[in-house]
């Protein structure tokens, strides 16, 4: 599982209807498209500054409730700690 940043998160275990499955598959398509776009830019020699300014491959989805088609089965609060590499990069080593 990849979070991208440290901090508190809520993990949901969900079941999905046909609509929910379509939403998940669309999100996976967005990720594949983003990965392919970044790979193509790298092979064409795009400057690092340009690549750094692009949104990440895994766009966050802010929501106050689960979308239609996804049904909560369970949830758990988790706190993702900074990795040693993140602490070193932020100067908090």
N, C-alpha and C. Protein backbone atom coordinates (compact mmCIF):
# COMPACT_ATOMS: atom_id res chain seq x y z
N UNK A 1 0.85 -1.16 0.00
CA UNK A 1 0.00 0.00 0.00
C UNK A 1 0.90 1.23 0.00
N UNK A 2 0.51 2.20 -0.78
CA UNK A 2 1.30 3.40 -0.94
C UNK A 2 0.48 4.61 -0.51
N UNK A 3 1.04 5.42 0.39
CA UNK A 3 0.33 6.60 0.86
C UNK A 3 0.90 7.88 0.27
N UNK A 4 2.19 7.91 0.01
CA UNK A 4 2.81 9.09 -0.57
C UNK A 4 3.29 10.09 0.45
N UNK A 5 2.60 10.20 1.57
CA UNK A 5 3.00 11.12 2.64
C UNK A 5 2.70 10.46 3.97
N UNK A 6 3.35 10.98 5.00
CA UNK A 6 3.07 10.48 6.34
C UNK A 6 1.91 11.26 6.94
N UNK A 7 1.33 10.71 8.00
CA UNK A 7 0.23 11.38 8.68
C UNK A 7 -0.92 10.43 8.95
N UNK A 8 -2.01 10.96 9.49
CA UNK A 8 -3.17 10.11 9.81
C UNK A 8 -4.03 9.84 8.57
N UNK A 9 -4.53 8.62 8.50
CA UNK A 9 -5.40 8.20 7.42
C UNK A 9 -6.51 7.31 7.96
N UNK A 10 -7.60 7.20 7.21
CA UNK A 10 -8.67 6.26 7.51
C UNK A 10 -8.69 5.26 6.38
N UNK A 11 -8.51 3.98 6.71
CA UNK A 11 -8.58 2.92 5.71
C UNK A 11 -9.96 2.30 5.76
N UNK A 12 -10.56 2.12 4.60
CA UNK A 12 -11.87 1.49 4.50
C UNK A 12 -11.75 0.15 3.81
N UNK A 13 -12.44 -0.82 4.32
CA UNK A 13 -12.64 -2.08 3.63
C UNK A 13 -14.05 -2.00 3.09
N UNK A 14 -14.16 -2.14 1.77
CA UNK A 14 -15.44 -1.91 1.13
C UNK A 14 -15.85 -3.08 0.24
N UNK A 15 -17.12 -3.15 0.01
CA UNK A 15 -17.65 -4.01 -1.05
C UNK A 15 -18.16 -3.06 -2.12
N UNK A 16 -18.28 -3.58 -3.33
CA UNK A 16 -18.63 -2.69 -4.44
C UNK A 16 -19.72 -3.30 -5.31
N UNK A 17 -20.61 -2.42 -5.76
CA UNK A 17 -21.60 -2.80 -6.76
C UNK A 17 -20.94 -2.67 -8.14
N UNK A 18 -21.70 -2.89 -9.17
CA UNK A 18 -21.18 -2.72 -10.54
C UNK A 18 -20.68 -1.29 -10.75
N UNK A 19 -21.41 -0.32 -10.22
CA UNK A 19 -20.99 1.08 -10.33
C UNK A 19 -19.67 1.29 -9.58
N UNK A 20 -19.57 0.74 -8.36
CA UNK A 20 -18.34 0.87 -7.58
C UNK A 20 -17.16 0.26 -8.29
N UNK A 21 -17.36 -0.92 -8.90
CA UNK A 21 -16.28 -1.55 -9.65
C UNK A 21 -15.86 -0.68 -10.83
N UNK A 22 -16.82 -0.04 -11.50
CA UNK A 22 -16.50 0.85 -12.62
C UNK A 22 -15.68 2.04 -12.13
N UNK A 23 -16.01 2.59 -10.96
CA UNK A 23 -15.25 3.72 -10.41
C UNK A 23 -13.81 3.30 -10.12
N UNK A 24 -13.63 2.13 -9.51
CA UNK A 24 -12.29 1.65 -9.19
C UNK A 24 -11.49 1.42 -10.47
N UNK A 25 -12.10 0.80 -11.46
CA UNK A 25 -11.40 0.55 -12.73
C UNK A 25 -11.03 1.85 -13.43
N UNK A 26 -11.91 2.86 -13.34
CA UNK A 26 -11.59 4.16 -13.93
C UNK A 26 -10.39 4.78 -13.22
N UNK A 27 -10.34 4.70 -11.89
CA UNK A 27 -9.21 5.25 -11.13
C UNK A 27 -7.92 4.54 -11.54
N UNK A 28 -7.98 3.23 -11.69
CA UNK A 28 -6.79 2.47 -12.12
C UNK A 28 -6.35 2.91 -13.52
N UNK A 29 -7.32 3.21 -14.40
CA UNK A 29 -6.99 3.69 -15.74
C UNK A 29 -6.29 5.05 -15.67
N UNK A 30 -6.77 5.92 -14.81
CA UNK A 30 -6.14 7.23 -14.63
C UNK A 30 -4.69 7.05 -14.20
N UNK A 31 -4.45 6.13 -13.26
CA UNK A 31 -3.09 5.87 -12.79
C UNK A 31 -2.22 5.37 -13.94
N UNK A 32 -2.71 4.40 -14.71
CA UNK A 32 -1.94 3.87 -15.85
C UNK A 32 -1.63 4.98 -16.85
N UNK A 33 -2.62 5.80 -17.15
CA UNK A 33 -2.42 6.91 -18.10
C UNK A 33 -1.35 7.87 -17.59
N UNK A 34 -1.40 8.20 -16.30
CA UNK A 34 -0.41 9.11 -15.71
C UNK A 34 0.99 8.51 -15.76
N UNK A 35 1.11 7.22 -15.43
CA UNK A 35 2.41 6.55 -15.48
C UNK A 35 2.97 6.55 -16.90
N UNK A 36 2.12 6.26 -17.87
CA UNK A 36 2.56 6.23 -19.27
C UNK A 36 2.96 7.63 -19.75
N UNK A 37 2.22 8.63 -19.34
CA UNK A 37 2.52 10.01 -19.75
C UNK A 37 3.88 10.42 -19.20
N UNK A 38 4.14 10.12 -17.94
CA UNK A 38 5.42 10.49 -17.34
C UNK A 38 6.56 9.73 -18.00
N UNK A 39 6.37 8.43 -18.26
CA UNK A 39 7.41 7.63 -18.92
C UNK A 39 7.70 8.19 -20.31
N UNK A 40 6.68 8.57 -21.05
CA UNK A 40 6.86 9.14 -22.39
C UNK A 40 7.64 10.46 -22.33
N UNK A 41 7.28 11.30 -21.38
CA UNK A 41 8.00 12.57 -21.23
C UNK A 41 9.47 12.33 -20.89
N UNK A 42 9.75 11.34 -20.04
CA UNK A 42 11.14 11.03 -19.69
C UNK A 42 11.91 10.55 -20.91
N UNK A 43 11.30 9.69 -21.73
CA UNK A 43 12.00 9.17 -22.92
C UNK A 43 12.23 10.28 -23.94
N UNK A 44 11.42 11.31 -23.91
CA UNK A 44 11.60 12.43 -24.84
C UNK A 44 12.49 13.53 -24.27
N UNK A 45 13.08 13.25 -23.10
CA UNK A 45 14.04 14.19 -22.53
C UNK A 45 13.44 15.40 -21.85
N UNK A 46 12.26 15.27 -21.30
CA UNK A 46 11.65 16.41 -20.61
C UNK A 46 12.52 16.83 -19.43
N UNK A 47 12.67 18.13 -19.20
CA UNK A 47 13.48 18.60 -18.08
C UNK A 47 12.90 18.14 -16.75
N UNK A 48 13.79 17.87 -15.80
CA UNK A 48 13.38 17.38 -14.48
C UNK A 48 12.40 18.36 -13.82
N UNK A 49 12.62 19.64 -14.02
CA UNK A 49 11.73 20.64 -13.42
C UNK A 49 10.30 20.51 -13.91
N UNK A 50 10.15 20.17 -15.18
CA UNK A 50 8.81 19.97 -15.74
C UNK A 50 8.16 18.75 -15.10
N UNK A 51 8.92 17.66 -15.02
CA UNK A 51 8.37 16.43 -14.44
C UNK A 51 8.00 16.62 -12.98
N UNK A 52 8.83 17.36 -12.26
CA UNK A 52 8.56 17.58 -10.84
C UNK A 52 7.28 18.40 -10.64
N UNK A 53 6.96 19.25 -11.60
CA UNK A 53 5.78 20.10 -11.49
C UNK A 53 4.48 19.40 -11.85
N UNK A 54 4.57 18.18 -12.38
CA UNK A 54 3.36 17.44 -12.75
C UNK A 54 2.70 16.82 -11.53
N UNK A 55 1.39 16.61 -11.59
CA UNK A 55 0.73 15.90 -10.50
C UNK A 55 1.28 14.47 -10.44
N UNK A 56 1.17 13.84 -9.28
CA UNK A 56 1.67 12.47 -9.12
C UNK A 56 0.85 11.47 -9.90
N UNK A 57 1.40 10.24 -9.96
CA UNK A 57 0.71 9.18 -10.68
C UNK A 57 -0.58 8.77 -9.99
N UNK A 58 -0.61 8.92 -8.67
CA UNK A 58 -1.75 8.47 -7.87
C UNK A 58 -2.50 9.69 -7.32
N UNK A 59 -3.45 10.22 -8.07
CA UNK A 59 -4.16 11.41 -7.58
C UNK A 59 -4.98 11.09 -6.34
N UNK A 60 -4.88 11.94 -5.35
CA UNK A 60 -5.68 11.77 -4.14
C UNK A 60 -7.15 12.04 -4.43
N UNK A 61 -7.99 11.40 -3.65
CA UNK A 61 -9.42 11.62 -3.80
C UNK A 61 -9.96 12.04 -2.44
N UNK A 62 -10.28 13.33 -2.32
CA UNK A 62 -10.85 13.81 -1.07
C UNK A 62 -12.35 13.56 -1.10
N UNK A 63 -12.86 13.01 -0.02
CA UNK A 63 -14.30 12.75 0.02
C UNK A 63 -14.77 12.78 1.47
N UNK A 64 -15.97 13.26 1.64
CA UNK A 64 -16.56 13.28 2.98
C UNK A 64 -17.35 12.01 3.26
N UNK A 65 -17.65 11.27 2.20
CA UNK A 65 -18.33 9.97 2.33
C UNK A 65 -17.92 9.11 1.15
N UNK A 66 -18.17 7.82 1.26
CA UNK A 66 -17.86 6.94 0.14
C UNK A 66 -18.80 7.25 -1.03
N UNK A 67 -18.28 7.16 -2.25
CA UNK A 67 -19.15 7.41 -3.40
C UNK A 67 -20.19 6.30 -3.56
N UNK A 68 -21.26 6.62 -4.27
CA UNK A 68 -22.28 5.61 -4.57
C UNK A 68 -21.61 4.41 -5.22
N UNK A 69 -22.02 3.23 -4.81
CA UNK A 69 -21.46 2.01 -5.39
C UNK A 69 -20.40 1.36 -4.52
N UNK A 70 -19.90 2.08 -3.50
CA UNK A 70 -18.95 1.51 -2.55
C UNK A 70 -19.61 1.49 -1.17
N UNK A 71 -19.52 0.36 -0.50
CA UNK A 71 -20.22 0.18 0.78
C UNK A 71 -19.23 -0.22 1.86
N UNK A 72 -19.23 0.54 2.94
CA UNK A 72 -18.29 0.30 4.04
C UNK A 72 -18.59 -1.02 4.74
N UNK A 73 -17.57 -1.85 4.86
CA UNK A 73 -17.67 -3.09 5.61
C UNK A 73 -16.94 -2.94 6.95
N UNK A 74 -15.83 -2.20 6.94
CA UNK A 74 -15.05 -1.93 8.15
C UNK A 74 -14.15 -0.74 7.86
N UNK A 75 -13.64 -0.12 8.93
CA UNK A 75 -12.68 0.97 8.76
C UNK A 75 -11.74 0.99 9.95
N UNK A 76 -10.57 1.54 9.74
CA UNK A 76 -9.57 1.62 10.81
C UNK A 76 -8.74 2.89 10.61
N UNK A 77 -8.45 3.56 11.72
CA UNK A 77 -7.55 4.72 11.69
C UNK A 77 -6.12 4.21 11.71
N UNK A 78 -5.27 4.79 10.88
CA UNK A 78 -3.85 4.46 10.88
C UNK A 78 -3.04 5.75 10.84
N UNK A 79 -1.83 5.69 11.35
CA UNK A 79 -0.90 6.81 11.26
C UNK A 79 0.34 6.30 10.55
N UNK A 80 0.64 6.89 9.41
CA UNK A 80 1.81 6.52 8.64
C UNK A 80 2.97 7.39 9.11
N UNK A 81 4.01 6.73 9.64
CA UNK A 81 5.18 7.45 10.14
C UNK A 81 6.11 7.81 8.99
N UNK A 82 6.91 8.84 9.20
CA UNK A 82 7.91 9.21 8.20
C UNK A 82 8.95 8.10 8.12
N UNK A 83 9.39 7.82 6.91
CA UNK A 83 10.47 6.85 6.73
C UNK A 83 11.79 7.54 7.11
N UNK A 84 12.82 6.76 7.40
CA UNK A 84 14.13 7.38 7.69
C UNK A 84 14.60 8.29 6.56
N UNK A 85 14.32 7.92 5.30
CA UNK A 85 14.72 8.74 4.16
C UNK A 85 13.96 10.06 4.17
N UNK A 86 12.66 10.03 4.47
CA UNK A 86 11.88 11.29 4.53
C UNK A 86 12.40 12.19 5.66
N UNK A 87 12.72 11.58 6.81
CA UNK A 87 13.24 12.38 7.93
C UNK A 87 14.56 13.05 7.55
N UNK A 88 15.43 12.29 6.85
CA UNK A 88 16.72 12.83 6.44
C UNK A 88 16.53 13.99 5.45
N UNK A 89 15.61 13.81 4.49
CA UNK A 89 15.36 14.83 3.48
C UNK A 89 14.74 16.09 4.09
N UNK A 90 13.92 15.92 5.14
CA UNK A 90 13.27 17.08 5.75
C UNK A 90 14.14 17.73 6.81
N UNK A 91 15.29 17.11 7.12
CA UNK A 91 16.19 17.68 8.13
C UNK A 91 15.80 17.31 9.54
N UNK A 92 14.87 16.37 9.72
CA UNK A 92 14.44 15.93 11.06
C UNK A 92 15.06 14.60 11.45
N UNK A 93 16.24 14.29 10.93
CA UNK A 93 16.86 12.99 11.18
C UNK A 93 17.32 12.82 12.60
